[in-house]
């Protein structure tokens, strides 16, 4: 009788383990994703319809939207870089996360592009965004692509 109880317990533990593995990996079983080659990924991106966000900033074509927080150290480090580029003639719209008016403009114009992370740079004229800090050269190249 003791042997039967041990076997039942082991079977129950095994069933629990199998169910846990299935639950954790349910997405793999429902919709398996086949890894794509780099060329295939590029084709998918080029076929995607491009949304024109320039209407929100139509009086400032080429403007880069800088979404940031004053408490974010990466954002604070990006501010002098942005100021340098503005001195070189580049246009930025600064949207600080605690600024209600800026938040409303960004939410109404670019809501489907917002990553929720800062710093984030958005090019309304091309619909391209980049999240995270970057070098002056990288930001300059991004701003050039917005023109």
Protein backbone atom coordinates (compact mmCIF):
# COMPACT_ATOMS: atom_id res chain seq x y z
CA UNK A 1 0.00 0.00 0.00
CA UNK A 2 2.83 2.38 0.79
CA UNK A 3 4.36 1.62 -2.62
CA UNK A 4 1.11 2.59 -4.35
CA UNK A 5 1.00 5.89 -2.46
CA UNK A 6 4.56 6.67 -3.51
CA UNK A 7 3.76 5.88 -7.15
CA UNK A 8 0.62 8.05 -7.02
CA UNK A 9 2.61 10.91 -5.50
CA UNK A 10 5.33 10.61 -8.14
CA UNK A 11 2.73 10.56 -10.94
CA UNK A 12 1.03 13.64 -9.46
CA UNK A 13 4.36 15.48 -9.24
CA UNK A 14 5.17 14.51 -12.82
CA UNK A 15 1.78 15.77 -14.03
CA UNK A 16 2.31 19.07 -12.20
CA UNK A 17 5.75 19.49 -13.79
CA UNK A 18 4.39 18.75 -17.27
CA UNK A 19 1.52 21.22 -16.79
CA UNK A 20 3.92 23.90 -15.54
CA UNK A 21 6.16 23.43 -18.59
CA UNK A 22 3.12 23.63 -20.89
CA UNK A 23 1.85 26.80 -19.22
CA UNK A 24 5.22 28.52 -19.39
CA UNK A 25 5.66 27.59 -23.05
CA UNK A 26 2.06 27.96 -24.24
CA UNK A 27 2.97 30.65 -26.81
CA UNK A 28 5.43 28.31 -28.47
CA UNK A 29 2.76 25.65 -28.88
CA UNK A 30 -0.03 27.95 -30.06
CA UNK A 31 1.80 30.16 -32.55
CA UNK A 32 5.25 28.88 -33.38
CA UNK A 33 7.48 31.57 -34.82
CA UNK A 34 9.97 30.61 -37.44
CA UNK A 35 13.18 32.62 -37.17
CA UNK A 36 13.61 34.96 -40.10
CA UNK A 37 16.79 35.69 -41.96
CA UNK A 38 17.98 39.30 -41.91
CA UNK A 39 16.93 39.78 -45.56
CA UNK A 40 13.40 38.56 -44.84
CA UNK A 41 13.09 40.92 -41.87
CA UNK A 42 14.14 43.84 -44.06
CA UNK A 43 11.48 42.88 -46.65
CA UNK A 44 8.81 42.82 -43.95
CA UNK A 45 9.86 46.26 -42.74
CA UNK A 46 9.88 47.73 -46.23
CA UNK A 47 6.39 46.35 -46.94
CA UNK A 48 4.94 47.86 -43.76
CA UNK A 49 2.77 50.86 -44.45
CA UNK A 50 4.38 54.10 -43.36
CA UNK A 51 2.19 56.39 -41.27
CA UNK A 52 2.67 60.11 -41.80
CA UNK A 53 2.90 61.86 -38.44
CA UNK A 54 4.08 65.16 -39.92
CA UNK A 55 0.61 66.73 -39.55
CA UNK A 56 1.23 67.20 -35.84
CA UNK A 57 4.37 69.19 -36.52
CA UNK A 58 3.55 70.47 -40.00
CA UNK A 59 4.81 73.99 -39.30
CA UNK A 60 8.18 72.52 -38.31
CA UNK A 61 9.15 69.86 -40.85
CA UNK A 62 12.26 67.95 -39.83
CA UNK A 63 11.60 68.51 -36.14
CA UNK A 64 12.77 65.73 -33.83
CA UNK A 65 10.56 65.18 -30.81
CA UNK A 66 12.61 64.63 -27.65
CA UNK A 67 10.55 62.84 -24.98
CA UNK A 68 12.33 62.90 -21.65
CA UNK A 69 12.13 63.17 -17.89
CA UNK A 70 14.06 65.60 -15.72
CA UNK A 71 14.76 62.75 -13.28
CA UNK A 72 16.29 60.51 -15.95
CA UNK A 73 20.12 60.67 -15.94
CA UNK A 74 20.32 59.54 -19.59
CA UNK A 75 17.89 62.30 -20.58
CA UNK A 76 19.86 64.91 -18.64
CA UNK A 77 23.03 63.84 -20.46
CA UNK A 78 21.27 64.23 -23.83
CA UNK A 79 20.17 67.84 -23.20
CA UNK A 80 23.59 69.46 -23.90
CA UNK A 81 23.90 67.38 -27.09
CA UNK A 82 20.49 68.61 -28.21
CA UNK A 83 21.43 72.20 -27.38
CA UNK A 84 24.59 71.86 -29.49
CA UNK A 85 22.59 70.52 -32.42
CA UNK A 86 20.01 73.29 -32.06
CA UNK A 87 22.93 75.73 -32.27
CA UNK A 88 23.84 74.05 -35.57
CA UNK A 89 20.31 74.65 -36.92
CA UNK A 90 18.55 71.41 -36.00
CA UNK A 91 14.99 71.59 -34.67
CA UNK A 92 13.83 69.72 -31.55
CA UNK A 93 10.52 69.71 -29.72
CA UNK A 94 11.16 68.94 -26.06
CA UNK A 95 8.38 67.04 -24.29
CA UNK A 96 9.12 66.62 -20.59
CA UNK A 97 7.04 63.85 -19.02
CA UNK A 98 5.62 66.04 -16.24
CA UNK A 99 4.52 68.78 -18.70
CA UNK A 100 0.78 68.23 -19.14
CA UNK A 101 0.49 70.20 -22.39
CA UNK A 102 3.46 68.43 -24.00
CA UNK A 103 2.16 65.06 -22.83
CA UNK A 104 -1.25 65.76 -24.41
CA UNK A 105 0.33 66.79 -27.73
CA UNK A 106 2.54 63.73 -27.82
CA UNK A 107 -0.25 61.38 -26.77
CA UNK A 108 -2.67 62.70 -29.37
CA UNK A 109 -0.12 62.81 -32.20
CA UNK A 110 2.27 59.95 -31.57
CA UNK A 111 0.53 57.58 -29.16
CA UNK A 112 1.20 54.44 -31.19
CA UNK A 113 4.92 55.24 -31.37
CA UNK A 114 5.54 55.84 -27.67
CA UNK A 115 7.78 53.22 -26.09
CA UNK A 116 7.15 54.26 -22.50
CA UNK A 117 10.88 54.65 -21.98
CA UNK A 118 13.02 57.78 -22.02
CA UNK A 119 14.87 59.34 -23.61
CA UNK A 120 12.92 58.74 -26.79
CA UNK A 121 13.44 60.54 -30.08
CA UNK A 122 10.63 60.59 -32.65
CA UNK A 123 10.70 61.84 -36.21
CA UNK A 124 7.08 62.73 -37.08
CA UNK A 125 7.86 63.26 -40.77
CA UNK A 126 9.11 59.68 -41.23
CA UNK A 127 7.38 57.85 -38.38
CA UNK A 128 10.70 56.56 -37.05
CA UNK A 129 11.65 56.51 -33.37
CA UNK A 130 14.72 55.65 -31.33
CA UNK A 131 14.79 55.02 -27.63
CA UNK A 132 17.83 55.52 -25.44
CA UNK A 133 20.75 57.88 -25.27
CA UNK A 134 23.07 58.20 -28.24
CA UNK A 135 26.15 60.05 -29.34
CA UNK A 136 26.00 63.47 -30.98
CA UNK A 137 26.86 61.85 -34.32
CA UNK A 138 24.09 59.28 -33.98
CA UNK A 139 21.53 61.92 -33.01
CA UNK A 140 22.70 64.18 -35.85
CA UNK A 141 22.26 61.30 -38.34
CA UNK A 142 18.80 60.62 -36.93
CA UNK A 143 17.87 64.31 -37.22
CA UNK A 144 19.21 64.39 -40.79
CA UNK A 145 16.92 61.49 -41.67
CA UNK A 146 13.95 63.56 -40.45
CA UNK A 147 14.57 66.43 -42.83
